[in-house]
C-alpha atoms as a PDB file:
ATOM      1  CA  MET A   1     -15.351  44.783 118.402  1.00  0.00           C
ATOM      2  CA  LYS A   2     -15.115  41.131 119.452  1.00  0.00           C
ATOM      3  CA  LYS A   3     -14.806  39.958 115.829  1.00  0.00           C
ATOM      4  CA  THR A   4     -12.040  42.483 115.207  1.00  0.00           C
ATOM      5  CA  ILE A   5     -10.015  41.302 118.196  1.00  0.00           C
ATOM      6  CA  ILE A   6     -10.440  37.639 117.259  1.00  0.00           C
ATOM      7  CA  GLY A   7      -9.474  38.426 113.657  1.00  0.00           C
ATOM      8  CA  PHE A   8      -6.363  40.268 114.853  1.00  0.00           C
ATOM      9  CA  ILE A   9      -5.350  37.340 117.087  1.00  0.00           C
ATOM     10  CA  ILE A  10      -5.786  34.903 114.193  1.00  0.00           C
ATOM     11  CA  ILE A  11      -3.670  37.117 111.928  1.00  0.00           C
ATOM     12  CA  CYS A  12      -0.958  37.232 114.598  1.00  0.00           C
ATOM     13  CA  LEU A  13      -1.015  33.429 114.885  1.00  0.00           C
ATOM     14  CA  TYR A  14      -0.761  33.128 111.102  1.00  0.00           C
ATOM     15  CA  CYS A  15       2.486  35.151 111.188  1.00  0.00           C
ATOM     16  CA  PHE A  16       4.323  31.969 112.166  1.00  0.00           C
ATOM     17  CA  PRO A  17       6.344  30.771 109.127  1.00  0.00           C
ATOM     18  CA  PHE A  18       4.473  27.491 108.685  1.00  0.00           C
ATOM     19  CA  VAL A  19       5.969  26.557 105.301  1.00  0.00           C
ATOM     20  CA  TYR A  20       9.515  27.384 106.383  1.00  0.00           C
ATOM     21  CA  PHE A  21       9.084  25.327 109.562  1.00  0.00           C
ATOM     22  CA  SER A  22       7.816  22.381 107.524  1.00  0.00           C
ATOM     23  CA  MET A  23      10.630  22.646 105.005  1.00  0.00           C
ATOM     24  CA  TYR A  24      13.221  22.983 107.761  1.00  0.00           C
ATOM     25  CA  GLN A  25      11.888  19.907 109.564  1.00  0.00           C
ATOM     26  CA  ASP A  26      12.053  18.016 106.286  1.00  0.00           C
ATOM     27  CA  PHE A  27      15.606  19.232 105.616  1.00  0.00           C
ATOM     28  CA  ALA A  28      17.019  18.792 109.118  1.00  0.00           C
ATOM     29  CA  ASP A  29      15.337  15.569 110.218  1.00  0.00           C
ATOM     30  CA  GLY A  30      13.965  14.074 107.021  1.00  0.00           C
ATOM     31  CA  LEU A  31      10.510  14.048 108.614  1.00  0.00           C
ATOM     32  CA  MET A  32       7.297  14.991 106.883  1.00  0.00           C
ATOM     33  CA  LEU A  33       5.698  15.672 110.270  1.00  0.00           C
ATOM     34  CA  GLY A  34       6.198  19.422 109.810  1.00  0.00           C
ATOM     35  CA  TYR A  35       3.894  19.423 106.795  1.00  0.00           C
ATOM     36  CA  LEU A  36       1.215  17.578 108.762  1.00  0.00           C
ATOM     37  CA  LEU A  37       1.496  20.059 111.637  1.00  0.00           C
ATOM     38  CA  MET A  38       1.253  22.928 109.150  1.00  0.00           C
ATOM     39  CA  ILE A  39      -1.931  21.518 107.619  1.00  0.00           C
ATOM     40  CA  ALA A  40      -3.494  20.923 111.040  1.00  0.00           C
ATOM     41  CA  ALA A  41      -2.565  24.339 112.452  1.00  0.00           C
ATOM     42  CA  THR A  42      -3.620  26.392 109.446  1.00  0.00           C
ATOM     43  CA  SER A  43      -6.854  24.412 109.078  1.00  0.00           C
ATOM     44  CA  LEU A  44      -7.724  25.088 112.723  1.00  0.00           C
ATOM     45  CA  LEU A  45      -6.936  28.770 112.300  1.00  0.00           C
ATOM     46  CA  ALA A  46      -9.116  28.924 109.171  1.00  0.00           C
ATOM     47  CA  PHE A  47     -11.954  27.102 110.964  1.00  0.00           C
ATOM     48  CA  PHE A  48     -11.913  29.467 113.953  1.00  0.00           C
ATOM     49  CA  SER A  49     -11.512  32.488 111.718  1.00  0.00           C
ATOM     50  CA  LYS A  50     -14.643  31.621 109.761  1.00  0.00           C
ATOM     51  CA  LEU A  51     -16.539  30.552 112.880  1.00  0.00           C
ATOM     52  CA  PHE A  52     -15.840  33.629 114.999  1.00  0.00           C
ATOM     53  CA  SER A  53     -14.896  36.292 112.471  1.00  0.00           C
ATOM     54  CA  ASN A  54     -14.782  36.128 108.670  1.00  0.00           C
ATOM     55  CA  SER A  55     -12.486  35.111 105.807  1.00  0.00           C
ATOM     56  CA  LEU A  56     -10.338  38.243 105.763  1.00  0.00           C
ATOM     57  CA  PRO A  57      -7.936  37.118 108.547  1.00  0.00           C
ATOM     58  CA  VAL A  58      -7.288  33.899 106.614  1.00  0.00           C
ATOM     59  CA  ILE A  59      -6.337  35.807 103.466  1.00  0.00           C
ATOM     60  CA  ILE A  60      -4.148  38.340 105.268  1.00  0.00           C
ATOM     61  CA  GLY A  61      -2.646  35.680 107.534  1.00  0.00           C
ATOM     62  CA  ASN A  62      -1.679  33.405 104.659  1.00  0.00           C
ATOM     63  CA  MET A  63       0.037  36.278 102.873  1.00  0.00           C
ATOM     64  CA  LEU A  64       1.944  37.243 106.016  1.00  0.00           C
ATOM     65  CA  SER A  65       2.950  33.636 106.637  1.00  0.00           C
ATOM     66  CA  ILE A  66       4.298  33.372 103.090  1.00  0.00           C
ATOM     67  CA  ILE A  67       6.254  36.614 103.486  1.00  0.00           C
ATOM     68  CA  VAL A  68       7.802  35.510 106.794  1.00  0.00           C
ATOM     69  CA  SER A  69       8.586  32.061 105.359  1.00  0.00           C
ATOM     70  CA  PHE A  70      10.175  33.707 102.307  1.00  0.00           C
ATOM     71  CA  TYR A  71      12.409  35.782 104.592  1.00  0.00           C
ATOM     72  CA  PHE A  72      13.634  32.732 106.521  1.00  0.00           C
ATOM     73  CA  ILE A  73      14.072  30.627 103.375  1.00  0.00           C
ATOM     74  CA  ASN A  74      16.252  33.350 101.862  1.00  0.00           C
ATOM     75  CA  ASN A  75      18.354  33.338 105.047  1.00  0.00           C
ATOM     76  CA  MET A  76      18.846  29.580 104.644  1.00  0.00           C
ATOM     77  CA  ALA A  77      19.870  29.951 100.981  1.00  0.00           C
ATOM     78  CA  GLY A  78      23.567  30.002 101.931  1.00  0.00           C
ATOM     79  CA  SER A  79      23.266  26.825 103.977  1.00  0.00           C
ATOM     80  CA  GLU A  80      24.984  23.861 102.440  1.00  0.00           C
ATOM     81  CA  GLY A  81      22.531  21.407 100.964  1.00  0.00           C
ATOM     82  CA  TRP A  82      19.452  23.611 101.325  1.00  0.00           C
ATOM     83  CA  GLY A  83      19.396  24.536  97.629  1.00  0.00           C
ATOM     84  CA  TRP A  84      19.530  21.006  96.232  1.00  0.00           C
ATOM     85  CA  TYR A  85      17.519  19.143  98.898  1.00  0.00           C
ATOM     86  CA  PHE A  86      14.135  20.006  97.381  1.00  0.00           C
ATOM     87  CA  LYS A  87      15.031  19.097  93.780  1.00  0.00           C
ATOM     88  CA  PRO A  88      13.510  19.357  91.171  1.00  0.00           C
ATOM     89  CA  LEU A  89      12.068  22.498  92.764  1.00  0.00           C
ATOM     90  CA  SER A  90      14.028  25.325  94.281  1.00  0.00           C
ATOM     91  CA  PRO A  91      13.164  26.264  97.883  1.00  0.00           C
ATOM     92  CA  ILE A  92      11.210  29.318  96.678  1.00  0.00           C
ATOM     93  CA  GLN A  93       9.248  27.244  94.170  1.00  0.00           C
ATOM     94  CA  LEU A  94       8.468  24.726  96.901  1.00  0.00           C
ATOM     95  CA  LEU A  95       7.346  27.589  99.170  1.00  0.00           C
ATOM     96  CA  ILE A  96       4.851  28.738  96.536  1.00  0.00           C
ATOM     97  CA  THR A  97       3.696  25.186  95.755  1.00  0.00           C
ATOM     98  CA  VAL A  98       3.198  24.162  99.384  1.00  0.00           C
ATOM     99  CA  SER A  99       1.484  27.480 100.184  1.00  0.00           C
ATOM    100  CA  LEU A 100      -0.988  27.004  97.351  1.00  0.00           C
ATOM    101  CA  LEU A 101      -1.635  23.363  98.261  1.00  0.00           C
ATOM    102  CA  ASN A 102      -2.125  24.368 101.894  1.00  0.00           C
ATOM    103  CA  LEU A 103      -5.089  26.525 100.846  1.00  0.00           C
ATOM    104  CA  ILE A 104      -7.108  23.403  99.961  1.00  0.00           C
ATOM    105  CA  PRO A 105      -7.554  22.033 103.523  1.00  0.00           C
ATOM    106  CA  GLN A 106      -8.121  25.584 104.779  1.00  0.00           C
ATOM    107  CA  PHE A 107     -10.930  25.997 102.258  1.00  0.00           C
ATOM    108  CA  PHE A 108     -12.585  22.789 103.483  1.00  0.00           C
ATOM    109  CA  ALA A 109     -12.143  23.872 107.107  1.00  0.00           C
ATOM    110  CA  MET A 110     -13.859  27.175 106.324  1.00  0.00           C
ATOM    111  CA  LYS A 111     -16.716  25.369 104.581  1.00  0.00           C
ATOM    112  CA  PHE A 112     -17.100  23.090 107.607  1.00  0.00           C
ATOM    113  CA  ALA A 113     -17.095  26.103 109.938  1.00  0.00           C
ATOM    114  CA  ASN A 114     -19.743  27.786 107.829  1.00  0.00           C
ATOM    115  CA  LYS A 115     -21.920  24.663 107.965  1.00  0.00           C
ATOM    116  CA  TYR A 116     -21.313  24.329 111.712  1.00  0.00           C
ATOM    117  CA  LYS A 117     -22.164  27.990 112.261  1.00  0.00           C
ATOM    118  CA  ILE A 118     -25.458  27.646 110.375  1.00  0.00           C
ATOM    119  CA  THR A 119     -26.536  24.521 112.267  1.00  0.00           C
ATOM    120  CA  PHE A 120     -25.395  25.987 115.578  1.00  0.00           C
ATOM    121  CA  ASP A 121     -27.481  29.125 115.021  1.00  0.00           C
ATOM    122  CA  LYS A 122     -30.576  27.051 114.222  1.00  0.00           C
ATOM    123  CA  ARG A 123     -30.470  24.831 117.299  1.00  0.00           C
ATOM    124  CA  PRO A 124     -33.968  23.785 118.370  1.00  0.00           C
ATOM    125  CA  PHE A 125     -33.571  24.192 122.133  1.00  0.00           C
ATOM    126  CA  ALA A 126     -32.150  27.693 122.248  1.00  0.00           C
ATOM    127  CA  ILE A 127     -32.742  29.586 125.449  1.00  0.00           C
ATOM    128  CA  LYS A 128     -35.174  32.339 124.738  1.00  0.00           C
ATOM    129  CA  LYS A 129     -35.128  35.609 126.616  1.00  0.00           C
ATOM    130  CA  ASN A 130     -38.146  37.042 128.374  1.00  0.00           C
ATOM    131  CA  VAL A 131     -39.671  33.670 129.220  1.00  0.00           C
ATOM    132  CA  ASN A 132     -41.838  33.799 132.306  1.00  0.00           C
ATOM    133  CA  PHE A 133     -41.852  30.757 134.497  1.00  0.00           C
ATOM    134  CA  ILE A 134     -44.849  29.933 136.679  1.00  0.00           C
END
């Protein structure tokens, strides 16, 4: 039950259009900070997903984030300058490219969470139940 609720919360947090936000920050301000925030946020979500739940929320969440980003990018298609700003790629091609590249740090975050979970479960000074004190 607890894993299901945590997985659902992570999926809801993944519904934010990370790639669109990054592209919009790049377009509007000329800053690459949006891409850095995207990498940090999705890596943290992947880490906590693997630590407290499993990999399924990461897969579903990434797909939902891409769909929501695709919707907003299509709404910006009529904006002047949006189509040529990301040359030689179109905005949709950049969405796919950035989404695929964003999977790399998420993969490493999940591997780190898996390693952390294994070492955390094997801690030497775990409190044992049913210990009688004198």
